[in-house]
């Protein structure tokens, strides 16, 4: 993806071009650069726009905790700054929680929704919420590098190489810091979208890695069953970071879902390039 530009303090990686726009929202331990492989695979077909969330990587720290509403509104603000009236939104993990809230607060801005390796939020159970809130103190105690090394192995499939795990840890350590990570964890802890998915009206695809141990397929199946008309698919051989571990399969699923829905891309064009 292109080098990020700052839009009102938010770093935005924009593939550019005239293809249909897709706003990409990363997970709690990642950044916009995590969508690099996906952007390259979809170049010329879809315009991927990926932010570094407020308080992450190259983005400025927010003045206070945004909350899930604040993150969703900030994502809409990125579209405003780019002059984009409507877009598809792809959210992974925590980014999927923000994308869900975007769909609820800004339905008129949304062409389609992709929720990948995501969750209803950590507010579905007190123990989950407490564990999520405890992460900020753990990051403060361990520091980004040690914190990332401890978490990285669970983000990939059991067969992932040590080199791949090390790359994930390095990318995480470069992306996270306080207070941004703590704000993100608090937003997750305070969110339970269990009853809200039924209000989503946009066409929705729910994707999950076959071996996701963080937000397992059972969670994604529950989400898919709750969103009217949603499609569900698993990415074979992938863990929680399915879009990074199996980018070709992930890109194919996203392309085949989004392109036929876009007025900017003829249906025949999408059908000539099946996954």
Protein backbone atom coordinates (compact mmCIF):
# COMPACT_ATOMS: atom_id res chain seq x y z
CA UNK A 1 0.00 0.00 0.00
CA UNK A 2 1.06 3.62 -0.38
CA UNK A 3 2.84 5.33 2.53
CA UNK A 4 0.27 6.58 5.02
CA UNK A 5 -0.98 10.15 4.87
CA UNK A 6 -2.17 11.96 7.99
CA UNK A 7 -5.82 13.00 7.95
CA UNK A 8 -6.67 14.96 11.11
CA UNK A 9 -4.09 12.95 13.02
CA UNK A 10 -5.09 9.56 11.61
CA UNK A 11 -2.58 7.76 9.39
CA UNK A 12 -4.30 6.32 6.32
CA UNK A 13 -2.81 3.80 3.91
CA UNK A 14 -4.67 4.36 0.62
CA UNK A 15 -4.14 2.16 -2.43
CA UNK A 16 -5.70 4.93 -4.53
CA UNK A 17 -7.29 4.59 -7.95
CA UNK A 18 -10.86 4.55 -9.18
CA UNK A 19 -11.80 1.05 -7.98
CA UNK A 20 -14.64 0.62 -5.49
CA UNK A 21 -13.43 1.75 -2.02
CA UNK A 22 -13.10 -0.62 0.92
CA UNK A 23 -12.29 0.86 4.34
CA UNK A 24 -10.18 -1.65 6.30
CA UNK A 25 -10.15 -1.61 10.12
CA UNK A 26 -7.42 -3.64 11.82
CA UNK A 27 -7.42 -5.71 14.97
CA UNK A 28 -6.37 -4.65 18.46
CA UNK A 29 -2.76 -5.77 18.00
CA UNK A 30 -2.21 -4.61 14.45
CA UNK A 31 -2.15 -1.57 12.16
CA UNK A 32 -3.11 -0.58 8.64
CA UNK A 33 0.06 -2.11 7.24
CA UNK A 34 -1.38 -5.55 8.02
CA UNK A 35 -3.59 -5.20 4.96
CA UNK A 36 -0.60 -4.80 2.62
CA UNK A 37 -0.75 -8.27 1.06
CA UNK A 38 -4.52 -8.01 0.61
CA UNK A 39 -4.15 -4.63 -1.07
CA UNK A 40 -1.58 -5.99 -3.52
CA UNK A 41 -3.74 -8.98 -4.39
CA UNK A 42 -6.81 -6.80 -5.02
CA UNK A 43 -4.98 -3.93 -6.74
CA UNK A 44 -6.97 -2.48 -9.61
CA UNK A 45 -10.10 -4.32 -8.51
CA UNK A 46 -10.80 -2.76 -5.12
CA UNK A 47 -9.34 0.37 -3.54
CA UNK A 48 -8.26 -0.65 -0.06
CA UNK A 49 -8.05 2.17 2.47
CA UNK A 50 -6.61 1.08 5.82
CA UNK A 51 -6.20 3.28 8.86
CA UNK A 52 -3.87 3.10 11.80
CA UNK A 53 -6.56 3.46 14.47
CA UNK A 54 -6.28 6.47 16.80
CA UNK A 55 -3.39 5.81 19.18
CA UNK A 56 -1.80 3.16 16.94
CA UNK A 57 1.35 3.07 14.81
CA UNK A 58 1.68 6.40 12.92
CA UNK A 59 -1.62 7.89 14.13
CA UNK A 60 -1.77 10.50 16.88
CA UNK A 61 -2.98 9.64 20.35
CA UNK A 62 -6.61 10.63 20.86
CA UNK A 63 -7.38 13.20 23.57
CA UNK A 64 -9.39 10.61 25.50
CA UNK A 65 -10.90 7.16 25.21
CA UNK A 66 -13.00 7.20 22.02
CA UNK A 67 -15.24 4.26 22.92
CA UNK A 68 -16.71 2.09 20.18
CA UNK A 69 -18.97 4.93 19.01
CA UNK A 70 -15.99 7.25 18.75
CA UNK A 71 -13.95 4.80 16.70
CA UNK A 72 -16.88 4.21 14.33
CA UNK A 73 -17.39 7.95 13.89
CA UNK A 74 -13.66 8.47 13.32
CA UNK A 75 -13.78 5.82 10.59
CA UNK A 76 -16.63 7.71 8.95
CA UNK A 77 -14.49 10.83 9.24
CA UNK A 78 -11.74 9.15 7.20
CA UNK A 79 -14.24 8.68 4.37
CA UNK A 80 -15.27 12.33 4.72
CA UNK A 81 -11.66 13.48 4.44
CA UNK A 82 -11.16 11.37 1.32
CA UNK A 83 -14.38 12.67 -0.27
CA UNK A 84 -15.99 9.22 -0.27
CA UNK A 85 -19.74 9.16 0.29
CA UNK A 86 -20.14 5.38 0.52
CA UNK A 87 -17.79 2.43 0.86
CA UNK A 88 -17.64 -1.18 1.87
CA UNK A 89 -16.10 -1.74 5.30
CA UNK A 90 -13.88 -4.70 6.19
CA UNK A 91 -13.06 -5.18 9.85
CA UNK A 92 -10.83 -7.83 11.38
CA UNK A 93 -11.17 -8.83 15.05
CA UNK A 94 -11.50 -5.56 17.04
CA UNK A 95 -11.84 -3.83 13.69
CA UNK A 96 -14.89 -6.00 13.03
CA UNK A 97 -16.45 -4.71 16.25
CA UNK A 98 -15.86 -1.14 15.05
CA UNK A 99 -17.20 -2.06 11.61
CA UNK A 100 -20.35 -3.45 13.22
CA UNK A 101 -20.86 -0.19 15.10
CA UNK A 102 -20.18 1.74 11.86
CA UNK A 103 -22.96 -0.27 10.19
CA UNK A 104 -25.34 0.64 13.02
CA UNK A 105 -24.43 4.34 13.22
CA UNK A 106 -23.76 5.11 9.55
CA UNK A 107 -25.88 2.73 7.46
CA UNK A 108 -26.21 5.34 4.71
CA UNK A 109 -22.42 5.26 4.21
CA UNK A 110 -22.18 1.49 3.84
CA UNK A 111 -22.29 -0.53 0.61
CA UNK A 112 -21.36 -3.89 2.15
CA UNK A 113 -19.81 -5.28 5.32
CA UNK A 114 -17.10 -7.90 5.85
CA UNK A 115 -16.55 -9.11 9.42
CA UNK A 116 -13.43 -11.25 9.66
CA UNK A 117 -12.24 -13.28 12.66
CA UNK A 118 -14.38 -10.98 14.77
CA UNK A 119 -16.57 -11.08 17.83
CA UNK A 120 -19.70 -9.68 19.45
CA UNK A 121 -17.38 -7.82 21.84
CA UNK A 122 -15.86 -8.78 25.18
CA UNK A 123 -18.82 -7.40 27.08
CA UNK A 124 -20.73 -10.64 26.55
CA UNK A 125 -19.37 -12.00 29.85
CA UNK A 126 -17.85 -10.34 32.95
CA UNK A 127 -14.78 -12.61 32.84
CA UNK A 128 -14.06 -11.72 29.21
CA UNK A 129 -14.46 -8.02 29.93
CA UNK A 130 -12.14 -8.21 32.92
CA UNK A 131 -9.49 -10.10 30.95
CA UNK A 132 -9.65 -7.52 28.16
CA UNK A 133 -9.31 -4.61 30.59
CA UNK A 134 -6.30 -6.31 32.21
CA UNK A 135 -4.34 -6.14 28.97
CA UNK A 136 -3.36 -2.50 29.38
CA UNK A 137 -1.61 -3.22 32.68
CA UNK A 138 0.11 -6.23 31.12
CA UNK A 139 1.38 -4.08 28.24
CA UNK A 140 2.62 -1.45 30.68
CA UNK A 141 4.47 -4.08 32.72
CA UNK A 142 5.99 -6.10 29.87
CA UNK A 143 6.51 -3.47 27.19
CA UNK A 144 5.44 -3.85 23.56
CA UNK A 145 8.13 -6.32 22.43
CA UNK A 146 7.64 -8.87 25.23
CA UNK A 147 3.87 -8.42 25.20
CA UNK A 148 3.78 -9.09 21.45
CA UNK A 149 6.07 -12.14 21.67
CA UNK A 150 3.74 -13.70 24.24
CA UNK A 151 0.60 -13.13 22.17
CA UNK A 152 1.80 -13.78 18.63
CA UNK A 153 1.75 -17.61 18.63
CA UNK A 154 -2.02 -17.69 19.23
CA UNK A 155 -2.70 -15.43 16.26
CA UNK A 156 -1.63 -17.93 13.61
CA UNK A 157 -2.52 -21.52 12.84
CA UNK A 158 -0.78 -24.38 14.67
CA UNK A 159 1.37 -25.09 11.61
CA UNK A 160 2.76 -21.56 11.30
CA UNK A 161 6.55 -21.31 11.07
CA UNK A 162 8.61 -19.66 13.82
CA UNK A 163 9.63 -17.02 11.26
CA UNK A 164 5.99 -16.14 10.57
CA UNK A 165 5.25 -15.91 14.30
CA UNK A 166 8.29 -13.66 14.77
CA UNK A 167 7.11 -11.36 11.95
CA UNK A 168 3.67 -11.07 13.55
CA UNK A 169 5.26 -10.24 16.92
CA UNK A 170 7.50 -7.60 15.36
CA UNK A 171 4.59 -5.97 13.53
CA UNK A 172 2.49 -5.94 16.70
CA UNK A 173 5.25 -4.41 18.79
CA UNK A 174 5.62 -1.63 16.22
CA UNK A 175 1.87 -0.92 16.18
CA UNK A 176 0.81 -0.86 19.82
CA UNK A 177 1.43 1.58 22.65
CA UNK A 178 -0.35 3.13 25.59
CA UNK A 179 -2.77 4.77 26.00
CA UNK A 180 -4.12 3.73 22.57
CA UNK A 181 -4.09 -0.01 23.25
CA UNK A 182 -5.79 0.53 26.59
CA UNK A 183 -8.51 2.63 24.95
CA UNK A 184 -9.09 -0.14 22.42
CA UNK A 185 -9.27 -2.80 25.13
CA UNK A 186 -11.77 -0.72 27.09
CA UNK A 187 -13.96 -0.33 24.01
CA UNK A 188 -13.97 -4.09 23.55
CA UNK A 189 -14.73 -4.73 27.23
CA UNK A 190 -17.68 -2.34 27.12
CA UNK A 191 -19.23 -3.78 23.93
CA UNK A 192 -21.80 -6.54 23.47
CA UNK A 193 -23.34 -6.48 20.01
CA UNK A 194 -25.30 -9.67 20.61
CA UNK A 195 -28.73 -8.10 20.04
CA UNK A 196 -27.56 -5.48 17.54
CA UNK A 197 -26.64 -7.63 14.55
CA UNK A 198 -30.30 -8.06 13.62
CA UNK A 199 -30.41 -4.31 12.81
CA UNK A 200 -27.69 -4.50 10.15
CA UNK A 201 -29.17 -3.96 6.71
CA UNK A 202 -26.05 -4.04 4.51
CA UNK A 203 -25.03 -7.18 2.63
CA UNK A 204 -22.66 -8.96 5.01
CA UNK A 205 -19.94 -11.58 4.69
CA UNK A 206 -18.58 -13.25 7.83
CA UNK A 207 -15.13 -14.79 7.39
CA UNK A 208 -13.03 -16.72 9.88
CA UNK A 209 -9.84 -18.74 9.87
CA UNK A 210 -10.43 -22.46 10.23
CA UNK A 211 -8.03 -22.60 13.20
CA UNK A 212 -8.81 -19.25 14.83
CA UNK A 213 -8.21 -19.78 18.55
CA UNK A 214 -8.90 -16.16 19.54
CA UNK A 215 -12.32 -15.60 17.93
CA UNK A 216 -13.18 -19.19 16.97
CA UNK A 217 -15.47 -20.22 14.11
CA UNK A 218 -18.32 -20.82 16.57
CA UNK A 219 -18.36 -17.07 17.33
CA UNK A 220 -18.40 -16.16 13.65
CA UNK A 221 -21.18 -18.67 12.95
CA UNK A 222 -23.22 -17.03 15.70
CA UNK A 223 -22.63 -13.59 14.16
CA UNK A 224 -23.55 -14.85 10.68
CA UNK A 225 -26.76 -16.37 12.00
CA UNK A 226 -27.66 -13.06 13.66
CA UNK A 227 -27.16 -10.76 10.64
CA UNK A 228 -30.09 -10.97 8.20
CA UNK A 229 -28.98 -12.69 4.99
CA UNK A 230 -25.30 -12.88 5.96
CA UNK A 231 -22.93 -15.26 4.20
CA UNK A 232 -20.44 -17.35 6.17
CA UNK A 233 -17.13 -18.79 5.01
CA UNK A 234 -14.02 -20.28 6.60
CA UNK A 235 -10.48 -19.75 5.35
CA UNK A 236 -8.77 -23.17 5.31
CA UNK A 237 -5.50 -23.50 7.14
CA UNK A 238 -5.68 -20.04 8.73
CA UNK A 239 -5.65 -18.85 12.29
CA UNK A 240 -6.86 -15.56 13.74
CA UNK A 241 -4.92 -13.41 11.27
CA UNK A 242 -6.53 -15.12 8.29
CA UNK A 243 -6.06 -12.11 6.02
CA UNK A 244 -2.31 -12.22 6.64
CA UNK A 245 -1.71 -15.96 6.92
CA UNK A 246 -3.77 -17.00 3.86
CA UNK A 247 -4.11 -13.73 1.92
CA UNK A 248 -4.87 -15.35 -1.45
CA UNK A 249 -7.88 -17.28 -0.14
CA UNK A 250 -9.02 -14.30 1.92
CA UNK A 251 -8.69 -11.90 -1.02
CA UNK A 252 -10.63 -14.28 -3.25
CA UNK A 253 -13.52 -14.47 -0.80
CA UNK A 254 -13.63 -10.69 -0.39
CA UNK A 255 -13.37 -10.06 -4.14
CA UNK A 256 -16.11 -12.52 -5.04
CA UNK A 257 -18.42 -11.02 -2.44
CA UNK A 258 -17.82 -7.33 -3.08
CA UNK A 259 -17.21 -6.97 -6.81
CA UNK A 260 -20.57 -8.22 -8.07
CA UNK A 261 -22.25 -5.73 -5.72
CA UNK A 262 -20.37 -2.70 -7.00
CA UNK A 263 -21.91 -0.59 -9.77
CA UNK A 264 -18.38 0.47 -10.74
CA UNK A 265 -17.40 -3.06 -11.75
CA UNK A 266 -19.39 -4.99 -14.40
CA UNK A 267 -20.67 -8.33 -13.22
CA UNK A 268 -18.99 -10.10 -16.14
CA UNK A 269 -15.60 -8.77 -14.99
CA UNK A 270 -16.00 -10.34 -11.58
CA UNK A 271 -17.16 -13.64 -13.06
CA UNK A 272 -14.10 -13.89 -15.31
CA UNK A 273 -11.85 -14.07 -12.24
CA UNK A 274 -13.24 -16.70 -9.87
CA UNK A 275 -11.29 -17.69 -6.81
